[in-house]
């Protein structure tokens, strides 16, 4: 799609050698510095993520989880599921005995953090540098201070109540009882000390010894099932990606317990519809997208769990004959009575790096909600995830809370291949919104010929229960057209998620990156 330079907006970043795209300029710069110092895309991705754990502490942290896809020319795509687990003593029955019917943001939402172990495996399998080297930029910002970016300041201000509810969060993330303002320079000395410990002692220092003791002690006093053994026994998992072909492009996702399957089911449904014949920014296009999404999320909420507990195999849910049956339920003129999705959130970071050897890393790290549970260890400054909120408290459901289980997980790195080579490394932030975001980005590129920055910039729509929430930039005609089809339309108070994407143009030998304008996104290449 031709770019109109009369309209405000950023252009994609184009580079021959290497490129990084993250949600914050300081993280992108850290990735580029690592690449220029002789590191590769894996090293740069971990370095950038570590910086984001410091400068976007509400969005991500070392107390969260991490998923990644890594593509190297001529090799199968490598996936890693860095999801933490519930404690060995966890059970749905124990919660029901206490009258707990939903986990929500309770102490039982804290699972063993999987991110640091995943970083170690990514570096060991694909990196050139050690954890000690790639953590240096993050340590520098945590010790020396960093200026608070504009979107970060806004998000921080929305969470004062949550931070005030916990002594550790108040100590580390409120300053004289208030959040920082845009441009304030702040420091995170406890987190800096923790990162220094990891740099000196390695990954296992997070799961054994003083750091683990501090985390377990913090949650044990509040009734958690987690123990030191749960931390010591944690290991992530190398996984083979699942995929579908959307009009000639192979789209890859992490398999369940991740929700990437949802995006693939949605694309399978949309492939049965002539999307290209519909205007890219039209009520018709978004009506079909919303209906396909609501069916795909219904599949997710009924079936996705840790793979060994699923009643229907992933391959069966990916079958295109199944998608055709779902597509047949869509009324082009009217909203159908379909399953609902849970309330979305926006608290995740996504980044992607491609290096000179065309190793592509699609990388996502998250606490789930802003600051996770809102519990921060007082001594070590670690924000603890509330990922366990994605479990259900129903003994008949495959995703029920249970011993050593991993919950249905929302963070999903994406990748798209053409003729066996990585064409796009991409991801969309935004918790439950992510599958919808993945499908929209692929639609924008494949069906509407958008470049990577246009695909990221385009207005977004999602649903929350019975409500359809559109971004403020959506044309009025679209809103009216959706309402005429029976959708209950309103404007979302915050933009939907964020995205980063890199296109590897093999024919011309260039890398083309798009970064998220809804956040403080930044792409750089050299």
Protein backbone atom coordinates (compact mmCIF):
# COMPACT_ATOMS: atom_id res chain seq x y z
CA UNK A 1 0.00 0.00 0.00
CA UNK A 2 1.58 3.36 -1.00
CA UNK A 3 2.57 5.58 1.95
CA UNK A 4 1.01 9.06 2.09
CA UNK A 5 3.67 11.39 3.47
CA UNK A 6 1.11 14.18 3.86
CA UNK A 7 -0.30 12.26 6.81
CA UNK A 8 1.55 12.14 10.16
CA UNK A 9 3.09 8.83 11.06
CA UNK A 10 6.39 7.05 11.19
CA UNK A 11 8.09 5.22 8.34
CA UNK A 12 9.48 1.71 8.67
CA UNK A 13 13.16 1.33 9.58
CA UNK A 14 15.16 -0.27 6.76
CA UNK A 15 18.59 -1.78 7.30
CA UNK A 16 21.01 -4.12 5.56
CA UNK A 17 22.90 -5.56 8.51
CA UNK A 18 20.73 -6.02 11.62
CA UNK A 19 17.66 -4.54 13.25
CA UNK A 20 15.88 -4.52 16.61
CA UNK A 21 12.36 -3.40 17.44
CA UNK A 22 11.15 -3.09 21.04
CA UNK A 23 8.60 -1.10 23.04
CA UNK A 24 11.19 1.33 24.46
CA UNK A 25 14.14 3.23 22.88
CA UNK A 26 16.57 2.30 25.68
CA UNK A 27 15.86 -1.40 25.16
CA UNK A 28 16.29 -1.11 21.40
CA UNK A 29 19.60 0.70 21.91
CA UNK A 30 20.76 -2.04 24.29
CA UNK A 31 20.01 -4.65 21.61
CA UNK A 32 21.93 -2.70 18.95
CA UNK A 33 24.89 -2.23 21.32
CA UNK A 34 25.05 -5.99 21.90
CA UNK A 35 24.91 -6.68 18.16
CA UNK A 36 27.70 -4.17 17.47
CA UNK A 37 29.78 -5.72 20.24
CA UNK A 38 29.73 -9.12 18.50
CA UNK A 39 26.62 -10.65 20.02
CA UNK A 40 23.85 -12.16 17.96
CA UNK A 41 20.07 -11.78 17.89
CA UNK A 42 19.58 -14.13 20.86
CA UNK A 43 22.01 -12.15 23.01
CA UNK A 44 20.43 -8.88 21.91
CA UNK A 45 16.90 -10.06 22.65
CA UNK A 46 17.71 -11.06 26.22
CA UNK A 47 19.65 -7.82 26.78
CA UNK A 48 16.71 -5.76 25.50
CA UNK A 49 14.22 -7.67 27.63
CA UNK A 50 16.33 -7.21 30.75
CA UNK A 51 16.33 -3.44 30.13
CA UNK A 52 12.55 -3.50 29.68
CA UNK A 53 12.21 -5.21 33.07
CA UNK A 54 13.82 -2.07 34.52
CA UNK A 55 12.35 0.75 32.41
CA UNK A 56 8.85 -0.72 31.88
CA UNK A 57 8.39 -2.44 35.27
CA UNK A 58 4.61 -2.50 35.03
CA UNK A 59 4.72 -4.36 31.73
CA UNK A 60 7.27 -7.06 32.42
CA UNK A 61 9.74 -8.36 34.95
CA UNK A 62 12.10 -11.11 35.98
CA UNK A 63 9.25 -12.49 38.10
CA UNK A 64 7.22 -13.28 34.97
CA UNK A 65 7.25 -15.74 32.07
CA UNK A 66 8.90 -15.80 28.64
CA UNK A 67 8.10 -17.49 25.31
CA UNK A 68 10.25 -17.28 22.19
CA UNK A 69 10.62 -18.49 18.61
CA UNK A 70 14.06 -18.57 16.98
CA UNK A 71 14.62 -19.00 13.25
CA UNK A 72 18.00 -19.74 11.66
CA UNK A 73 18.42 -20.21 7.91
CA UNK A 74 18.28 -23.87 6.96
CA UNK A 75 17.15 -25.06 10.40
CA UNK A 76 13.74 -25.85 11.93
CA UNK A 77 12.24 -23.03 13.97
CA UNK A 78 13.07 -23.50 17.66
CA UNK A 79 10.42 -22.67 20.23
CA UNK A 80 10.70 -22.29 23.99
CA UNK A 81 7.88 -22.33 26.51
CA UNK A 82 9.13 -20.49 29.59
CA UNK A 83 5.88 -20.72 31.51
CA UNK A 84 5.97 -21.22 35.25
CA UNK A 85 3.88 -23.78 37.08
CA UNK A 86 1.55 -23.95 40.06
CA UNK A 87 2.95 -25.51 43.22
CA UNK A 88 3.10 -29.27 43.65
CA UNK A 89 0.54 -28.98 46.45
CA UNK A 90 -1.92 -26.91 44.40
CA UNK A 91 -5.40 -28.26 43.74
CA UNK A 92 -8.79 -27.06 42.65
CA UNK A 93 -10.37 -29.00 45.52
CA UNK A 94 -8.30 -27.07 48.06
CA UNK A 95 -9.54 -23.78 46.62
CA UNK A 96 -13.16 -24.93 46.55
CA UNK A 97 -12.86 -26.08 50.17
CA UNK A 98 -11.91 -22.48 51.01
CA UNK A 99 -14.85 -21.12 49.03
CA UNK A 100 -12.59 -19.79 46.24
CA UNK A 101 -14.37 -20.04 42.88
CA UNK A 102 -12.06 -17.84 40.82
CA UNK A 103 -8.35 -17.22 41.33
CA UNK A 104 -8.39 -13.62 40.11
CA UNK A 105 -5.57 -11.61 41.66
CA UNK A 106 -5.32 -13.75 44.79
CA UNK A 107 -2.05 -15.16 46.08
CA UNK A 108 -2.81 -18.35 44.12
CA UNK A 109 -2.27 -16.39 40.91
CA UNK A 110 1.48 -16.42 41.64
CA UNK A 111 3.20 -19.21 39.73
CA UNK A 112 6.90 -20.03 39.64
CA UNK A 113 8.46 -17.34 37.40
CA UNK A 114 9.75 -18.95 34.21
CA UNK A 115 11.48 -16.02 32.52
CA UNK A 116 15.02 -16.24 33.91
CA UNK A 117 15.31 -19.97 33.20
CA UNK A 118 14.08 -19.30 29.65
CA UNK A 119 16.65 -16.53 29.16
CA UNK A 120 19.36 -18.97 30.20
CA UNK A 121 18.19 -21.63 27.75
CA UNK A 122 17.94 -19.13 24.90
CA UNK A 123 21.50 -17.92 25.53
CA UNK A 124 22.89 -21.45 26.01
CA UNK A 125 21.27 -22.78 22.83
CA UNK A 126 21.62 -19.80 20.50
CA UNK A 127 23.71 -17.04 22.06
CA UNK A 128 27.37 -16.10 21.90
CA UNK A 129 27.55 -14.14 25.14
CA UNK A 130 26.84 -15.05 28.75
CA UNK A 131 24.11 -13.81 31.05
CA UNK A 132 26.67 -11.65 32.85
CA UNK A 133 27.37 -9.64 29.70
CA UNK A 134 23.81 -9.22 28.46
CA UNK A 135 22.54 -7.97 31.83
CA UNK A 136 24.98 -5.05 32.01
CA UNK A 137 22.76 -2.44 30.36
CA UNK A 138 19.83 -3.32 32.61
CA UNK A 139 22.04 -3.16 35.69
CA UNK A 140 23.32 0.24 34.56
CA UNK A 141 19.83 1.71 34.25
CA UNK A 142 18.65 0.16 37.53
CA UNK A 143 21.67 1.52 39.44
CA UNK A 144 22.31 4.78 37.64
CA UNK A 145 18.74 5.74 36.84
CA UNK A 146 16.60 6.15 33.75
CA UNK A 147 14.08 8.78 32.59
CA UNK A 148 10.45 7.65 32.69
CA UNK A 149 8.93 7.57 29.20
CA UNK A 150 5.58 9.19 28.46
CA UNK A 151 3.43 6.07 28.01
CA UNK A 152 5.14 4.41 30.98
CA UNK A 153 4.30 7.41 33.17
CA UNK A 154 0.65 7.29 32.11
CA UNK A 155 0.34 3.55 32.79
CA UNK A 156 2.15 3.93 36.14
CA UNK A 157 -0.38 6.55 37.24
CA UNK A 158 -3.25 4.13 36.59
CA UNK A 159 -1.93 1.66 39.18
CA UNK A 160 -1.36 3.72 42.31
CA UNK A 161 -3.99 1.81 44.26
CA UNK A 162 -2.51 -1.57 43.38
CA UNK A 163 1.00 -0.45 44.37
CA UNK A 164 -0.18 1.02 47.66
CA UNK A 165 -1.73 -2.32 48.64
CA UNK A 166 1.66 -4.00 48.98
CA UNK A 167 4.59 -2.83 51.14
CA UNK A 168 7.19 -4.05 48.65
CA UNK A 169 5.47 -2.37 45.71
CA UNK A 170 5.12 0.85 47.69
CA UNK A 171 8.77 0.73 48.69
CA UNK A 172 10.17 0.11 45.22
CA UNK A 173 7.68 1.75 42.83
CA UNK A 174 6.13 4.74 44.59
CA UNK A 175 8.18 7.78 45.43
CA UNK A 176 6.93 9.73 48.44
CA UNK A 177 3.70 7.82 47.89
CA UNK A 178 3.29 8.89 44.27
CA UNK A 179 4.15 7.48 40.84
CA UNK A 180 6.89 9.15 38.80
CA UNK A 181 6.05 11.70 36.13
CA UNK A 182 7.21 11.75 32.51
CA UNK A 183 10.91 12.63 32.44
CA UNK A 184 11.58 11.86 36.12
CA UNK A 185 14.83 9.96 36.59
CA UNK A 186 14.35 7.01 38.92
CA UNK A 187 16.45 4.11 40.17
CA UNK A 188 15.74 0.53 41.22
CA UNK A 189 18.57 -0.38 43.61
CA UNK A 190 17.07 -3.63 44.94
CA UNK A 191 16.39 -4.91 41.43
CA UNK A 192 19.91 -3.83 40.41
CA UNK A 193 21.37 -5.93 43.22
CA UNK A 194 19.26 -8.90 42.15
CA UNK A 195 20.43 -8.55 38.55
CA UNK A 196 24.03 -8.36 39.76
CA UNK A 197 23.51 -11.60 41.66
CA UNK A 198 22.20 -13.28 38.51
CA UNK A 199 25.10 -11.91 36.45
CA UNK A 200 27.60 -13.29 38.95
CA UNK A 201 25.98 -16.60 39.88
CA UNK A 202 23.86 -17.52 36.87
CA UNK A 203 20.30 -18.67 36.30
CA UNK A 204 20.09 -21.18 39.15
CA UNK A 205 20.63 -18.37 41.65
CA UNK A 206 17.07 -17.28 40.87
CA UNK A 207 15.59 -20.68 41.72
CA UNK A 208 17.82 -21.69 44.62
CA UNK A 209 19.31 -19.69 47.46
CA UNK A 210 18.52 -16.21 48.76
CA UNK A 211 16.46 -14.94 45.80
CA UNK A 212 14.15 -17.95 45.81
CA UNK A 213 13.93 -17.85 49.59
CA UNK A 214 12.79 -14.23 49.46
CA UNK A 215 10.09 -15.01 46.88
CA UNK A 216 8.84 -18.12 48.69
CA UNK A 217 8.81 -16.35 52.05
CA UNK A 218 6.86 -13.44 50.55
CA UNK A 219 4.08 -15.65 49.15
CA UNK A 220 4.04 -18.26 51.93
CA UNK A 221 2.95 -15.72 54.53
CA UNK A 222 -0.12 -15.05 52.36
CA UNK A 223 -1.17 -18.67 51.93
CA UNK A 224 0.50 -19.73 48.64
CA UNK A 225 1.10 -23.40 47.85
CA UNK A 226 4.55 -22.58 46.40
CA UNK A 227 7.65 -24.01 48.10
CA UNK A 228 11.42 -23.92 47.60
CA UNK A 229 11.18 -27.32 45.90
CA UNK A 230 8.76 -25.86 43.33
CA UNK A 231 11.34 -23.22 42.45
CA UNK A 232 14.29 -25.62 42.42
CA UNK A 233 12.43 -28.09 40.18
CA UNK A 234 11.33 -25.54 37.58
CA UNK A 235 12.34 -26.14 33.98
CA UNK A 236 10.85 -24.72 30.78
CA UNK A 237 10.34 -26.73 27.61
CA UNK A 238 11.71 -26.74 24.07
CA UNK A 239 8.69 -27.02 21.75
CA UNK A 240 8.00 -27.42 18.03
CA UNK A 241 5.81 -24.58 16.72
CA UNK A 242 2.31 -25.19 15.42
CA UNK A 243 1.26 -23.51 12.19
CA UNK A 244 -1.32 -22.86 9.53
CA UNK A 245 -0.96 -21.61 5.97
CA UNK A 246 -2.78 -18.35 5.31
CA UNK A 247 -2.91 -17.63 1.57
CA UNK A 248 0.64 -18.87 0.99
CA UNK A 249 2.20 -17.64 4.24
CA UNK A 250 3.00 -20.19 6.97
CA UNK A 251 2.11 -18.57 10.30
CA UNK A 252 3.83 -20.12 13.34
CA UNK A 253 2.86 -20.01 17.01
CA UNK A 254 3.92 -21.66 20.28
CA UNK A 255 1.65 -24.69 20.95
CA UNK A 256 -0.67 -24.99 23.97
CA UNK A 257 -0.64 -24.16 26.82
CA UNK A 258 -0.10 -20.92 24.84
CA UNK A 259 -3.09 -19.26 23.17
CA UNK A 260 -1.37 -19.00 19.77
CA UNK A 261 -3.72 -21.70 18.51
CA UNK A 262 -6.49 -19.10 18.80
CA UNK A 263 -4.83 -16.86 16.20
CA UNK A 264 -4.41 -19.80 13.82
CA UNK A 265 -8.05 -20.86 14.17
CA UNK A 266 -9.10 -17.27 13.47
CA UNK A 267 -6.91 -17.11 10.35
CA UNK A 268 -8.34 -20.42 9.16
CA UNK A 269 -11.84 -18.98 9.47
CA UNK A 270 -10.92 -15.74 7.69
CA UNK A 271 -9.25 -17.64 4.85
CA UNK A 272 -12.70 -18.90 3.84
CA UNK A 273 -13.81 -15.27 3.31
CA UNK A 274 -12.73 -12.97 0.46
CA UNK A 275 -11.19 -10.43 2.82
CA UNK A 276 -9.24 -8.72 0.03
CA UNK A 277 -12.50 -7.60 -1.58
CA UNK A 278 -13.38 -5.63 1.57
CA UNK A 279 -11.93 -2.23 2.35
CA UNK A 280 -9.14 -2.48 4.95
CA UNK A 281 -10.83 0.06 7.22
CA UNK A 282 -14.49 -0.85 6.89
CA UNK A 283 -17.37 -2.17 8.95
CA UNK A 284 -17.56 -5.22 6.67
CA UNK A 285 -13.94 -6.18 7.32
CA UNK A 286 -14.14 -5.69 11.08
CA UNK A 287 -17.50 -7.46 11.35
CA UNK A 288 -16.01 -10.62 9.85
CA UNK A 289 -12.89 -10.26 12.00
CA UNK A 290 -14.90 -9.86 15.19
CA UNK A 291 -17.16 -12.82 14.44
CA UNK A 292 -14.19 -15.02 13.55
CA UNK A 293 -12.42 -13.90 16.72
CA UNK A 294 -15.37 -14.62 18.98
CA UNK A 295 -15.58 -18.16 17.62
CA UNK A 296 -11.81 -18.68 17.89
CA UNK A 297 -11.79 -17.41 21.48
CA UNK A 298 -14.69 -19.74 22.23
CA UNK A 299 -12.47 -22.59 21.05
CA UNK A 300 -9.67 -21.27 23.26
CA UNK A 301 -11.76 -21.00 26.39
CA UNK A 302 -13.27 -24.46 25.92
CA UNK A 303 -10.16 -26.39 24.98
CA UNK A 304 -6.75 -24.75 25.46
CA UNK A 305 -4.80 -25.92 28.47
CA UNK A 306 -1.54 -27.71 29.10
CA UNK A 307 -1.38 -30.09 26.12
CA UNK A 308 -1.46 -33.31 28.16
CA UNK A 309 -4.79 -32.24 29.69
CA UNK A 310 -6.56 -31.17 26.48
CA UNK A 311 -9.53 -33.32 25.44
CA UNK A 312 -9.23 -32.48 21.73
CA UNK A 313 -5.87 -32.60 19.99
CA UNK A 314 -4.34 -29.41 18.63
CA UNK A 315 -4.25 -30.86 15.10
CA UNK A 316 -8.00 -31.41 15.17
CA UNK A 317 -8.63 -27.81 16.22
CA UNK A 318 -6.32 -26.63 13.42
CA UNK A 319 -8.11 -28.70 10.77
CA UNK A 320 -9.36 -26.36 8.04
CA UNK A 321 -12.54 -28.42 7.69
CA UNK A 322 -13.31 -27.44 11.29
CA UNK A 323 -12.69 -23.78 10.41
CA UNK A 324 -15.14 -24.03 7.50
CA UNK A 325 -17.84 -25.25 9.87
CA UNK A 326 -17.17 -22.29 12.15
CA UNK A 327 -17.12 -19.85 9.22
CA UNK A 328 -20.52 -21.12 8.08
CA UNK A 329 -21.98 -19.78 11.33
CA UNK A 330 -21.08 -16.18 10.43
CA UNK A 331 -23.92 -13.99 9.23
CA UNK A 332 -22.42 -11.26 6.99
CA UNK A 333 -25.18 -8.86 7.97
CA UNK A 334 -25.62 -9.52 11.67
CA UNK A 335 -23.74 -10.26 14.86
CA UNK A 336 -24.33 -13.84 15.97
CA UNK A 337 -24.83 -15.18 19.46
CA UNK A 338 -21.36 -16.58 20.02
CA UNK A 339 -19.09 -17.26 23.03
CA UNK A 340 -17.62 -14.36 24.95
CA UNK A 341 -13.98 -13.60 25.67
CA UNK A 342 -12.61 -12.61 29.07
CA UNK A 343 -11.66 -9.02 29.78
CA UNK A 344 -8.42 -8.11 28.02
CA UNK A 345 -5.32 -6.44 29.41
CA UNK A 346 -2.26 -4.70 28.02
CA UNK A 347 0.63 -5.56 30.32
CA UNK A 348 3.27 -7.41 28.32
CA UNK A 349 6.36 -6.55 26.29
CA UNK A 350 7.20 -7.91 22.87
CA UNK A 351 10.44 -7.45 20.96
CA UNK A 352 12.12 -8.87 17.90
CA UNK A 353 15.72 -8.86 16.68
CA UNK A 354 17.24 -10.05 13.40
CA UNK A 355 21.02 -10.16 13.01
CA UNK A 356 23.48 -10.17 10.12
CA UNK A 357 23.27 -13.95 9.77
CA UNK A 358 19.48 -13.66 9.58
CA UNK A 359 18.84 -15.34 12.89
CA UNK A 360 15.40 -14.01 13.81
CA UNK A 361 14.22 -13.96 17.42
CA UNK A 362 10.55 -13.39 18.29
CA UNK A 363 10.48 -12.77 22.04
CA UNK A 364 7.77 -12.01 24.59
CA UNK A 365 8.02 -11.56 28.37
CA UNK A 366 5.23 -10.72 30.78
CA UNK A 367 3.95 -10.37 34.34
CA UNK A 368 0.39 -10.69 32.90
CA UNK A 369 -1.37 -7.75 34.58
CA UNK A 370 0.35 -4.47 35.50
CA UNK A 371 2.98 -5.41 38.09
CA UNK A 372 1.52 -8.92 38.06
CA UNK A 373 -0.19 -9.51 41.40
CA UNK A 374 1.11 -6.17 42.64
CA UNK A 375 3.28 -8.10 45.12
CA UNK A 376 6.95 -7.09 45.08
CA UNK A 377 9.54 -8.77 47.29
CA UNK A 378 10.72 -6.16 49.78
CA UNK A 379 14.36 -7.29 49.93
CA UNK A 380 15.07 -8.23 46.31
CA UNK A 381 12.63 -6.00 44.37
CA UNK A 382 11.08 -8.78 42.27
CA UNK A 383 7.53 -8.22 40.98
CA UNK A 384 5.59 -11.48 41.06
CA UNK A 385 3.38 -12.65 38.22
CA UNK A 386 -0.37 -13.25 38.46
CA UNK A 387 -0.34 -15.71 35.56
CA UNK A 388 -2.24 -18.27 37.61
CA UNK A 389 -5.32 -16.08 37.13
CA UNK A 390 -5.64 -17.83 33.76
CA UNK A 391 -6.50 -21.11 35.48
CA UNK A 392 -10.16 -21.94 36.06
CA UNK A 393 -11.49 -23.37 39.32
CA UNK A 394 -13.54 -26.18 37.83
CA UNK A 395 -12.40 -29.82 38.29
CA UNK A 396 -14.08 -30.83 35.00
CA UNK A 397 -12.17 -28.29 32.86
CA UNK A 398 -8.81 -29.16 31.23
CA UNK A 399 -7.40 -25.81 32.39
CA UNK A 400 -8.29 -26.29 36.04
CA UNK A 401 -5.84 -25.30 38.79
CA UNK A 402 -3.72 -28.29 39.77
CA UNK A 403 -0.36 -29.60 41.01
CA UNK A 404 2.59 -28.57 38.85
CA UNK A 405 0.30 -27.41 36.04
CA UNK A 406 0.84 -24.58 33.58
CA UNK A 407 -2.18 -22.35 32.90
CA UNK A 408 -3.59 -21.37 29.54
CA UNK A 409 -1.13 -18.63 28.63
CA UNK A 410 -1.75 -15.42 26.72
CA UNK A 411 1.76 -14.40 25.59
CA UNK A 412 2.47 -15.55 22.04
CA UNK A 413 5.51 -14.71 19.89
CA UNK A 414 4.70 -14.98 16.20
CA UNK A 415 6.63 -15.82 13.06
CA UNK A 416 5.66 -16.22 9.42
CA UNK A 417 7.58 -18.28 6.87
CA UNK A 418 7.60 -18.29 3.10
CA UNK A 419 9.34 -21.08 1.18
CA UNK A 420 10.92 -22.33 4.39
CA UNK A 421 12.55 -19.01 5.32
CA UNK A 422 11.49 -16.48 7.93
CA UNK A 423 9.61 -13.66 6.23
CA UNK A 424 8.23 -11.92 9.34
CA UNK A 425 9.15 -12.02 13.01
CA UNK A 426 6.34 -10.33 14.88
CA UNK A 427 4.25 -10.06 17.99
CA UNK A 428 1.42 -8.05 19.47
CA UNK A 429 1.16 -7.11 23.14
CA UNK A 430 -2.10 -6.97 25.03
CA UNK A 431 -2.90 -10.18 26.98
CA UNK A 432 -6.14 -11.65 25.58
CA UNK A 433 -6.05 -9.29 22.59
CA UNK A 434 -2.91 -10.91 21.19
CA UNK A 435 -4.48 -13.56 18.89
CA UNK A 436 -6.80 -10.91 17.43
CA UNK A 437 -3.77 -8.67 16.96
CA UNK A 438 -1.76 -11.42 15.23
CA UNK A 439 -4.58 -12.11 12.81
CA UNK A 440 -5.09 -8.42 12.06
CA UNK A 441 -1.39 -7.84 11.33
CA UNK A 442 -1.31 -10.83 8.97
CA UNK A 443 -4.54 -9.67 7.30
CA UNK A 444 -3.11 -6.18 6.86
CA UNK A 445 0.01 -7.51 5.15
CA UNK A 446 -1.41 -10.40 3.10
CA UNK A 447 -4.88 -9.14 2.18
CA UNK A 448 -4.30 -5.39 2.05
CA UNK A 449 -0.67 -5.06 0.98
CA UNK A 450 0.38 -2.89 3.91
CA UNK A 451 4.05 -2.50 4.79
CA UNK A 452 5.09 -3.51 8.30
CA UNK A 453 4.65 -0.05 9.80
CA UNK A 454 1.24 0.46 8.20
CA UNK A 455 0.20 -2.97 9.49
CA UNK A 456 1.11 -1.87 13.02
CA UNK A 457 -0.37 1.63 12.71
CA UNK A 458 -3.81 0.62 11.40
CA UNK A 459 -6.74 1.13 13.82
CA UNK A 460 -7.76 -1.85 15.92
CA UNK A 461 -10.94 -3.31 17.32
CA UNK A 462 -11.64 -6.00 19.91
CA UNK A 463 -14.48 -7.18 22.10
CA UNK A 464 -14.96 -7.40 25.83
CA UNK A 465 -17.97 -9.52 26.70
CA UNK A 466 -20.85 -8.18 24.61
CA UNK A 467 -19.13 -4.85 23.93
CA UNK A 468 -17.07 -4.00 20.85
CA UNK A 469 -14.35 -1.52 21.73
CA UNK A 470 -12.80 0.47 18.88
CA UNK A 471 -9.77 2.72 19.02
CA UNK A 472 -10.34 6.46 18.92
CA UNK A 473 -8.92 6.72 15.40
CA UNK A 474 -11.55 4.43 13.89
CA UNK A 475 -13.68 6.29 11.28
CA UNK A 476 -17.24 7.08 12.36
CA UNK A 477 -18.64 5.17 9.36
CA UNK A 478 -17.03 1.97 10.67
CA UNK A 479 -18.54 2.43 14.11
CA UNK A 480 -21.97 3.09 12.62
CA UNK A 481 -21.68 0.12 10.27
CA UNK A 482 -20.78 -2.22 13.12
CA UNK A 483 -23.67 -0.90 15.21
CA UNK A 484 -26.03 -1.51 12.28
CA UNK A 485 -24.90 -5.16 12.31
CA UNK A 486 -25.85 -5.53 15.97
CA UNK A 487 -22.53 -4.78 17.64
CA UNK A 488 -22.59 -2.71 20.82
CA UNK A 489 -19.86 -0.20 19.95
CA UNK A 490 -17.91 2.16 22.19
CA UNK A 491 -14.44 3.72 22.18
CA UNK A 492 -11.79 1.91 24.23
CA UNK A 493 -10.21 4.08 26.95
CA UNK A 494 -6.73 2.80 26.04
CA UNK A 495 -5.34 1.66 22.68
CA UNK A 496 -5.32 -2.06 21.93
CA UNK A 497 -1.94 -3.51 22.77
CA UNK A 498 1.22 -2.74 20.87
CA UNK A 499 3.29 -4.49 18.22
CA UNK A 500 6.75 -4.90 16.76
CA UNK A 501 7.55 -6.60 13.46
CA UNK A 502 10.53 -7.23 11.17
CA UNK A 503 10.22 -8.26 7.53
CA UNK A 504 13.23 -10.10 6.09
CA UNK A 505 13.36 -9.20 2.41
CA UNK A 506 15.58 -11.99 1.12
CA UNK A 507 15.51 -10.85 -2.50
CA UNK A 508 16.85 -7.35 -1.77
CA UNK A 509 18.93 -8.27 1.26
CA UNK A 510 17.28 -5.77 3.60
CA UNK A 511 15.44 -5.84 6.93
CA UNK A 512 12.30 -3.71 7.31
CA UNK A 513 11.02 -3.01 10.82
CA UNK A 514 7.82 -1.52 12.19
CA UNK A 515 7.39 -0.41 15.81
CA UNK A 516 4.45 0.52 17.96
CA UNK A 517 3.31 4.17 18.01
CA UNK A 518 0.72 3.46 20.72
CA UNK A 519 3.55 2.90 23.19
CA UNK A 520 7.13 4.20 23.22
CA UNK A 521 8.08 1.74 20.49
CA UNK A 522 11.40 2.12 18.71
CA UNK A 523 13.09 0.26 15.86
CA UNK A 524 16.75 0.78 14.99
CA UNK A 525 18.98 -0.83 12.40
CA UNK A 526 22.52 -0.54 11.15
